[in-house]
Amino acid sequence: MKSKDKISLTHEVVVGLVDEAEKLIDRLIRGSSNLEIIPIIGMPGLGKTTLAKKLYRNPSVLHPFHIHFWCSVSHVYNKKNLLLQFLCDEGKHYFKSCIKI
């Protein structure tokens, strides 16, 4: 993963998104057992990435999950490449070798 894609460890303040953050935290920890993608969408500069980082670092959200992975997805993306990025970059801590697809 490129350094620009790595999650920042600085604590950024999310202004005006407290209610949204609480709703998302509740959805993540009490959500369905099925695979689910929760998009955070909006105009540039609203704090989407900051909100996502705050959720990603939240102990209540991290605790139920055995594996955590941060990736940035643009408008054009490839599912295979995202999976390989996970398996090769972050998954090396959990998997002994990278799976070739």
Protein backbone atom coordinates (compact mmCIF):
# COMPACT_ATOMS: atom_id res chain seq x y z
CA MET A 1 0.00 0.00 0.00
CA LYS A 2 1.37 3.40 -0.91
CA SER A 3 2.15 5.75 1.97
CA LYS A 4 -0.49 8.23 0.77
CA ASP A 5 -3.13 5.48 1.15
CA LYS A 6 -2.17 4.54 4.70
CA ILE A 7 -4.47 5.67 7.49
CA SER A 8 -3.26 8.68 9.42
CA LEU A 9 -2.79 8.15 13.14
CA THR A 10 -3.54 11.77 13.97
CA HIS A 11 -6.82 12.39 15.75
CA GLU A 12 -8.90 14.58 13.51
CA VAL A 13 -11.99 16.30 14.83
CA VAL A 14 -15.26 15.56 13.06
CA VAL A 15 -17.46 18.64 13.37
CA GLY A 16 -21.20 18.25 12.86
CA LEU A 17 -21.12 14.52 12.16
CA VAL A 18 -21.57 13.20 15.71
CA ASP A 19 -25.08 11.85 15.08
CA GLU A 20 -23.99 10.20 11.82
CA ALA A 21 -20.96 8.67 13.54
CA GLU A 22 -23.12 7.22 16.32
CA LYS A 23 -25.59 5.75 13.79
CA LEU A 24 -22.76 4.17 11.81
CA ILE A 25 -21.08 2.76 14.93
CA ASP A 26 -24.39 1.22 15.98
CA ARG A 27 -24.88 -0.23 12.49
CA LEU A 28 -21.38 -1.69 12.44
CA ILE A 29 -21.49 -3.36 15.85
CA ARG A 30 -25.12 -4.49 15.79
CA GLY A 31 -25.45 -5.05 12.06
CA SER A 32 -26.27 -8.09 10.03
CA SER A 33 -24.05 -11.17 10.02
CA ASN A 34 -24.08 -10.93 6.21
CA LEU A 35 -21.36 -9.12 4.32
CA GLU A 36 -22.34 -5.48 4.05
CA ILE A 37 -20.77 -2.42 2.50
CA ILE A 38 -21.68 0.89 4.11
CA PRO A 39 -20.88 3.75 1.76
CA ILE A 40 -20.03 7.21 3.04
CA ILE A 41 -20.81 9.60 0.22
CA GLY A 42 -20.97 13.35 -0.21
CA MET A 43 -19.35 16.39 -1.73
CA PRO A 44 -15.59 16.93 -1.39
CA GLY A 45 -14.51 18.49 1.88
CA LEU A 46 -17.43 17.33 4.02
CA GLY A 47 -15.26 15.08 6.18
CA LYS A 48 -16.09 11.64 4.74
CA THR A 49 -12.55 10.30 5.09
CA THR A 50 -12.15 11.83 8.55
CA LEU A 51 -15.42 10.21 9.64
CA ALA A 52 -14.36 6.85 8.20
CA LYS A 53 -10.99 7.06 10.00
CA LYS A 54 -12.73 7.89 13.26
CA LEU A 55 -15.00 4.85 12.87
CA TYR A 56 -12.05 2.64 11.86
CA ARG A 57 -10.15 3.53 15.06
CA ASN A 58 -13.16 3.26 17.39
CA PRO A 59 -12.56 0.40 19.90
CA SER A 60 -16.26 -0.55 19.86
CA VAL A 61 -16.05 -1.07 16.11
CA LEU A 62 -12.65 -2.80 16.11
CA HIS A 63 -13.40 -5.29 18.90
CA PRO A 64 -15.87 -7.64 17.13
CA PHE A 65 -13.68 -7.97 14.03
CA HIS A 66 -10.62 -10.22 13.83
CA ILE A 67 -9.19 -8.56 10.74
CA HIS A 68 -9.18 -4.85 9.93
CA PHE A 69 -8.23 -3.34 6.61
CA TRP A 70 -8.11 0.26 5.40
CA CYS A 71 -8.25 0.98 1.70
CA SER A 72 -9.19 3.96 -0.41
CA VAL A 73 -11.55 3.22 -3.28
CA SER A 74 -11.98 5.64 -6.17
CA HIS A 75 -14.81 5.86 -8.68
CA VAL A 76 -13.03 3.33 -10.87
CA TYR A 77 -11.90 0.26 -8.95
CA ASN A 78 -11.25 -3.42 -9.45
CA LYS A 79 -12.55 -5.92 -6.86
CA LYS A 80 -9.76 -8.37 -7.64
CA ASN A 81 -7.08 -5.73 -7.07
CA LEU A 82 -8.67 -4.65 -3.77
CA LEU A 83 -8.73 -8.26 -2.58
CA LEU A 84 -5.13 -8.84 -3.65
CA GLN A 85 -4.09 -5.60 -1.93
CA PHE A 86 -5.69 -6.86 1.26
CA LEU A 87 -4.20 -10.34 1.05
CA CYS A 88 -0.71 -9.19 0.11
CA ASP A 89 -0.36 -6.00 2.18
CA GLU A 90 -2.46 -6.36 5.32
CA GLY A 91 -3.31 -10.04 5.15
CA LYS A 92 0.32 -11.10 5.51
CA HIS A 93 -0.15 -10.83 9.26
CA TYR A 94 -2.97 -13.36 9.08
CA PHE A 95 -2.07 -15.50 6.09
CA LYS A 96 1.24 -17.22 5.50
CA SER A 97 1.29 -16.64 1.75
CA CYS A 98 -0.45 -14.50 -0.78
CA ILE A 99 -3.14 -16.23 -2.85
CA LYS A 100 -2.78 -15.83 -6.60
CA ILE A 101 -6.10 -15.26 -8.33
